[in-house]
C-alpha atoms as a PDB file:
ATOM      1  CA  UNK A   1     -66.425  -0.158  69.574  1.00  0.00           C
ATOM      2  CA  UNK A   2     -68.856  -1.789  71.971  1.00  0.00           C
ATOM      3  CA  UNK A   3     -72.154  -2.828  70.463  1.00  0.00           C
ATOM      4  CA  UNK A   4     -75.184  -4.922  71.229  1.00  0.00           C
ATOM      5  CA  UNK A   5     -75.774  -7.183  68.203  1.00  0.00           C
ATOM      6  CA  UNK A   6     -78.560  -5.680  66.102  1.00  0.00           C
ATOM      7  CA  UNK A   7     -80.203  -9.000  65.303  1.00  0.00           C
ATOM      8  CA  UNK A   8     -80.882  -9.461  69.020  1.00  0.00           C
ATOM      9  CA  UNK A   9     -82.074  -5.992  69.903  1.00  0.00           C
ATOM     10  CA  UNK A  10     -85.705  -5.449  70.881  1.00  0.00           C
ATOM     11  CA  UNK A  11     -85.754  -1.757  70.065  1.00  0.00           C
ATOM     12  CA  UNK A  12     -83.235   1.080  69.828  1.00  0.00           C
ATOM     13  CA  UNK A  13     -81.535   1.447  73.182  1.00  0.00           C
ATOM     14  CA  UNK A  14     -82.929  -1.809  74.553  1.00  0.00           C
ATOM     15  CA  UNK A  15     -80.853  -4.651  75.887  1.00  0.00           C
ATOM     16  CA  UNK A  16     -80.149  -7.594  73.610  1.00  0.00           C
ATOM     17  CA  UNK A  17     -82.272 -10.577  74.522  1.00  0.00           C
ATOM     18  CA  UNK A  18     -81.025 -14.017  73.611  1.00  0.00           C
ATOM     19  CA  UNK A  19     -83.541 -15.879  75.729  1.00  0.00           C
ATOM     20  CA  UNK A  20     -86.678 -13.794  76.275  1.00  0.00           C
ATOM     21  CA  UNK A  21     -88.602 -14.713  79.369  1.00  0.00           C
ATOM     22  CA  UNK A  22     -87.225 -15.490  82.779  1.00  0.00           C
ATOM     23  CA  UNK A  23     -83.524 -15.355  82.006  1.00  0.00           C
ATOM     24  CA  UNK A  24     -82.219 -12.291  80.179  1.00  0.00           C
ATOM     25  CA  UNK A  25     -78.794 -12.450  78.534  1.00  0.00           C
ATOM     26  CA  UNK A  26     -76.980  -9.408  77.161  1.00  0.00           C
ATOM     27  CA  UNK A  27     -73.980  -9.645  74.904  1.00  0.00           C
ATOM     28  CA  UNK A  28     -71.610  -6.726  74.403  1.00  0.00           C
ATOM     29  CA  UNK A  29     -69.333  -6.916  71.386  1.00  0.00           C
ATOM     30  CA  UNK A  30     -65.937  -5.253  71.694  1.00  0.00           C
ATOM     31  CA  UNK A  31     -64.502  -4.564  68.246  1.00  0.00           C
ATOM     32  CA  UNK A  32     -61.444  -2.324  68.546  1.00  0.00           C
ATOM     33  CA  UNK A  33     -58.859  -1.605  65.837  1.00  0.00           C
ATOM     34  CA  UNK A  34     -55.899  -3.957  65.905  1.00  0.00           C
ATOM     35  CA  UNK A  35     -57.573  -6.409  68.295  1.00  0.00           C
ATOM     36  CA  UNK A  36     -59.589  -9.570  67.754  1.00  0.00           C
ATOM     37  CA  UNK A  37     -63.327  -9.197  68.267  1.00  0.00           C
ATOM     38  CA  UNK A  38     -64.301  -9.948  71.858  1.00  0.00           C
ATOM     39  CA  UNK A  39     -67.785 -10.799  73.148  1.00  0.00           C
ATOM     40  CA  UNK A  40     -68.752 -10.328  76.785  1.00  0.00           C
ATOM     41  CA  UNK A  41     -71.957 -12.060  77.842  1.00  0.00           C
ATOM     42  CA  UNK A  42     -73.832 -10.979  80.952  1.00  0.00           C
ATOM     43  CA  UNK A  43     -76.248 -13.643  82.188  1.00  0.00           C
ATOM     44  CA  UNK A  44     -77.892 -11.401  84.799  1.00  0.00           C
ATOM     45  CA  UNK A  45     -77.419  -7.930  83.318  1.00  0.00           C
ATOM     46  CA  UNK A  46     -78.561  -4.767  85.023  1.00  0.00           C
ATOM     47  CA  UNK A  47     -81.130  -2.777  83.048  1.00  0.00           C
ATOM     48  CA  UNK A  48     -78.629   0.045  82.500  1.00  0.00           C
ATOM     49  CA  UNK A  49     -75.983  -2.108  80.770  1.00  0.00           C
ATOM     50  CA  UNK A  50     -76.900  -1.075  77.223  1.00  0.00           C
ATOM     51  CA  UNK A  51     -76.819   2.616  78.226  1.00  0.00           C
ATOM     52  CA  UNK A  52     -73.379   2.097  79.734  1.00  0.00           C
ATOM     53  CA  UNK A  53     -72.081   0.567  76.502  1.00  0.00           C
ATOM     54  CA  UNK A  54     -72.740   3.941  74.847  1.00  0.00           C
ATOM     55  CA  UNK A  55     -70.795   5.716  77.616  1.00  0.00           C
ATOM     56  CA  UNK A  56     -67.881   3.301  77.258  1.00  0.00           C
ATOM     57  CA  UNK A  57     -67.848   3.948  73.510  1.00  0.00           C
ATOM     58  CA  UNK A  58     -67.592   7.671  74.237  1.00  0.00           C
ATOM     59  CA  UNK A  59     -64.662   7.095  76.579  1.00  0.00           C
ATOM     60  CA  UNK A  60     -62.970   4.720  74.102  1.00  0.00           C
ATOM     61  CA  UNK A  61     -63.241   7.305  71.322  1.00  0.00           C
ATOM     62  CA  UNK A  62     -61.534  10.060  73.320  1.00  0.00           C
ATOM     63  CA  UNK A  63     -58.169  10.840  71.764  1.00  0.00           C
ATOM     64  CA  UNK A  64     -54.909  11.492  73.563  1.00  0.00           C
ATOM     65  CA  UNK A  65     -54.620  14.726  75.531  1.00  0.00           C
ATOM     66  CA  UNK A  66     -58.390  14.722  76.119  1.00  0.00           C
ATOM     67  CA  UNK A  67     -57.827  16.698  79.308  1.00  0.00           C
ATOM     68  CA  UNK A  68     -55.622  19.318  77.627  1.00  0.00           C
ATOM     69  CA  UNK A  69     -52.638  18.133  79.691  1.00  0.00           C
ATOM     70  CA  UNK A  70     -51.384  15.078  77.808  1.00  0.00           C
ATOM     71  CA  UNK A  71     -53.769  12.414  79.108  1.00  0.00           C
ATOM     72  CA  UNK A  72     -53.659   9.082  77.280  1.00  0.00           C
ATOM     73  CA  UNK A  73     -56.612   7.604  75.427  1.00  0.00           C
ATOM     74  CA  UNK A  74     -58.326   4.574  76.916  1.00  0.00           C
ATOM     75  CA  UNK A  75     -56.052   1.524  76.784  1.00  0.00           C
ATOM     76  CA  UNK A  76     -57.641  -1.532  75.189  1.00  0.00           C
ATOM     77  CA  UNK A  77     -56.312  -3.815  77.940  1.00  0.00           C
ATOM     78  CA  UNK A  78     -57.931  -1.618  80.596  1.00  0.00           C
ATOM     79  CA  UNK A  79     -61.294  -1.713  78.813  1.00  0.00           C
ATOM     80  CA  UNK A  80     -61.218  -5.480  78.316  1.00  0.00           C
ATOM     81  CA  UNK A  81     -60.191  -6.148  81.923  1.00  0.00           C
ATOM     82  CA  UNK A  82     -62.886  -3.826  83.277  1.00  0.00           C
ATOM     83  CA  UNK A  83     -65.513  -5.620  81.168  1.00  0.00           C
ATOM     84  CA  UNK A  84     -64.317  -8.950  82.614  1.00  0.00           C
ATOM     85  CA  UNK A  85     -64.589  -7.450  86.102  1.00  0.00           C
ATOM     86  CA  UNK A  86     -68.125  -6.184  85.481  1.00  0.00           C
ATOM     87  CA  UNK A  87     -69.122  -9.522  83.995  1.00  0.00           C
ATOM     88  CA  UNK A  88     -67.850 -11.205  87.160  1.00  0.00           C
ATOM     89  CA  UNK A  89     -69.418  -8.836  89.722  1.00  0.00           C
ATOM     90  CA  UNK A  90     -72.683  -7.431  88.311  1.00  0.00           C
ATOM     91  CA  UNK A  91     -76.170  -8.839  88.472  1.00  0.00           C
ATOM     92  CA  UNK A  92     -79.597  -7.556  87.495  1.00  0.00           C
ATOM     93  CA  UNK A  93     -79.975  -5.526  90.717  1.00  0.00           C
ATOM     94  CA  UNK A  94     -76.618  -3.743  90.712  1.00  0.00           C
ATOM     95  CA  UNK A  95     -77.107   0.042  90.562  1.00  0.00           C
ATOM     96  CA  UNK A  96     -75.570   2.026  87.717  1.00  0.00           C
ATOM     97  CA  UNK A  97     -72.007   3.118  88.450  1.00  0.00           C
ATOM     98  CA  UNK A  98     -69.985   6.095  87.300  1.00  0.00           C
ATOM     99  CA  UNK A  99     -67.146   5.543  84.824  1.00  0.00           C
ATOM    100  CA  UNK A 100     -63.969   7.579  85.084  1.00  0.00           C
ATOM    101  CA  UNK A 101     -61.176   7.628  82.507  1.00  0.00           C
ATOM    102  CA  UNK A 102     -57.791   8.091  84.147  1.00  0.00           C
ATOM    103  CA  UNK A 103     -55.052  10.256  82.597  1.00  0.00           C
ATOM    104  CA  UNK A 104     -52.774   7.227  82.136  1.00  0.00           C
ATOM    105  CA  UNK A 105     -55.328   5.395  79.936  1.00  0.00           C
ATOM    106  CA  UNK A 106     -56.890   3.313  82.696  1.00  0.00           C
ATOM    107  CA  UNK A 107     -60.582   3.057  83.477  1.00  0.00           C
ATOM    108  CA  UNK A 108     -62.353   3.130  86.822  1.00  0.00           C
ATOM    109  CA  UNK A 109     -65.922   2.262  87.782  1.00  0.00           C
ATOM    110  CA  UNK A 110     -67.372   3.658  91.028  1.00  0.00           C
ATOM    111  CA  UNK A 111     -70.396   3.397  93.261  1.00  0.00           C
ATOM    112  CA  UNK A 112     -70.899   5.882  96.108  1.00  0.00           C
ATOM    113  CA  UNK A 113     -74.157   5.039  97.837  1.00  0.00           C
ATOM    114  CA  UNK A 114     -75.658   3.381 100.865  1.00  0.00           C
ATOM    115  CA  UNK A 115     -72.641   4.428 102.903  1.00  0.00           C
ATOM    116  CA  UNK A 116     -70.319   2.509 100.569  1.00  0.00           C
ATOM    117  CA  UNK A 117     -67.486   3.769  98.390  1.00  0.00           C
ATOM    118  CA  UNK A 118     -66.717   0.974  95.930  1.00  0.00           C
ATOM    119  CA  UNK A 119     -64.161   1.378  93.150  1.00  0.00           C
ATOM    120  CA  UNK A 120     -62.750  -1.009  90.575  1.00  0.00           C
ATOM    121  CA  UNK A 121     -59.811   0.254  88.526  1.00  0.00           C
ATOM    122  CA  UNK A 122     -58.325  -1.344  85.423  1.00  0.00           C
ATOM    123  CA  UNK A 123     -54.856  -0.068  84.599  1.00  0.00           C
ATOM    124  CA  UNK A 124     -53.565   0.444  81.042  1.00  0.00           C
ATOM    125  CA  UNK A 125     -51.530  -2.793  81.237  1.00  0.00           C
ATOM    126  CA  UNK A 126     -54.632  -4.807  82.219  1.00  0.00           C
ATOM    127  CA  UNK A 127     -53.880  -5.053  85.946  1.00  0.00           C
ATOM    128  CA  UNK A 128     -56.957  -4.595  88.088  1.00  0.00           C
ATOM    129  CA  UNK A 129     -57.706  -3.736  91.673  1.00  0.00           C
ATOM    130  CA  UNK A 130     -60.769  -2.926  93.692  1.00  0.00           C
ATOM    131  CA  UNK A 131     -61.685  -1.476  97.037  1.00  0.00           C
ATOM    132  CA  UNK A 132     -64.784  -1.079  99.120  1.00  0.00           C
ATOM    133  CA  UNK A 133     -65.115   1.066 102.214  1.00  0.00           C
ATOM    134  CA  UNK A 134     -68.009   1.711 104.560  1.00  0.00           C
ATOM    135  CA  UNK A 135     -66.934   4.378 107.078  1.00  0.00           C
ATOM    136  CA  UNK A 136     -69.834   3.963 109.526  1.00  0.00           C
ATOM    137  CA  UNK A 137     -69.431   0.192 109.746  1.00  0.00           C
ATOM    138  CA  UNK A 138     -65.624   0.441 109.649  1.00  0.00           C
ATOM    139  CA  UNK A 139     -65.416  -2.098 106.853  1.00  0.00           C
ATOM    140  CA  UNK A 140     -62.605  -2.014 104.313  1.00  0.00           C
ATOM    141  CA  UNK A 141     -62.274  -4.487 101.452  1.00  0.00           C
ATOM    142  CA  UNK A 142     -59.381  -4.792  99.010  1.00  0.00           C
ATOM    143  CA  UNK A 143     -58.754  -6.869  95.888  1.00  0.00           C
ATOM    144  CA  UNK A 144     -55.718  -6.909  93.622  1.00  0.00           C
ATOM    145  CA  UNK A 145     -56.821  -9.440  90.999  1.00  0.00           C
ATOM    146  CA  UNK A 146     -59.849 -10.361  88.919  1.00  0.00           C
ATOM    147  CA  UNK A 147     -60.580 -13.345  91.175  1.00  0.00           C
ATOM    148  CA  UNK A 148     -60.069 -11.185  94.243  1.00  0.00           C
ATOM    149  CA  UNK A 149     -62.938  -8.912  93.168  1.00  0.00           C
ATOM    150  CA  UNK A 150     -65.268 -11.527  94.628  1.00  0.00           C
ATOM    151  CA  UNK A 151     -64.429  -9.915  97.976  1.00  0.00           C
ATOM    152  CA  UNK A 152     -66.391  -6.847  96.839  1.00  0.00           C
ATOM    153  CA  UNK A 153     -69.548  -8.850  96.091  1.00  0.00           C
ATOM    154  CA  UNK A 154     -71.083  -8.404  99.587  1.00  0.00           C
ATOM    155  CA  UNK A 155     -70.655  -4.628  99.340  1.00  0.00           C
ATOM    156  CA  UNK A 156     -72.218  -4.543  95.864  1.00  0.00           C
ATOM    157  CA  UNK A 157     -75.152  -6.635  97.081  1.00  0.00           C
ATOM    158  CA  UNK A 158     -75.571  -4.291 100.058  1.00  0.00           C
ATOM    159  CA  UNK A 159     -76.042  -1.223  97.818  1.00  0.00           C
ATOM    160  CA  UNK A 160     -78.661  -3.078  95.754  1.00  0.00           C
ATOM    161  CA  UNK A 161     -81.235  -2.839  98.533  1.00  0.00           C
END
C-alpha cells in the first residue's frame, strides 16, 4: 500500500509537507506484504502526486486475471522501480501522466502532449526502459536503465510549458 504519512498531511487528499514554505517535500510510503517498508521522497513533487498514490494503490490491489484473460497482478519490483524512475525524473511542473498496468504485471507511465509521446515502463522483474518521440521534430529518445532515463528529462521539461 502506498500512503502519505498521516502525521505530515495538511488535509485529506493533500500532499505531505515536511518543510512548509519554499521547499515542499512529499514522502510516499510503500508497504506491501512480504516486502520491507520502502519510503520514496520527492523533493520537488508535482501537485498531483498524492492523487496518483491513490491510483497506484488501485492498480496494486488488482488481483490476477483482472482483464478476464489471465493478466498478472502488479509485480512489486515493477512498482518499486517505477517509483524510483518517477523520483528521478519528476519535478513540481511535470504534468500528470497516465498509468497503465500491463498483462504481465509490469507498470507503464505515459505522457501524450505537446507533440511528445513519452513512456516509461517497469517490467515485472524490475527492469526499466523509457522512450520519448516527437514526430514533428523527428526526435527519438531511448533509455534502457534507471540512469538512462535522464535522457528523457528534456522531453519532460518541454511538455511542462
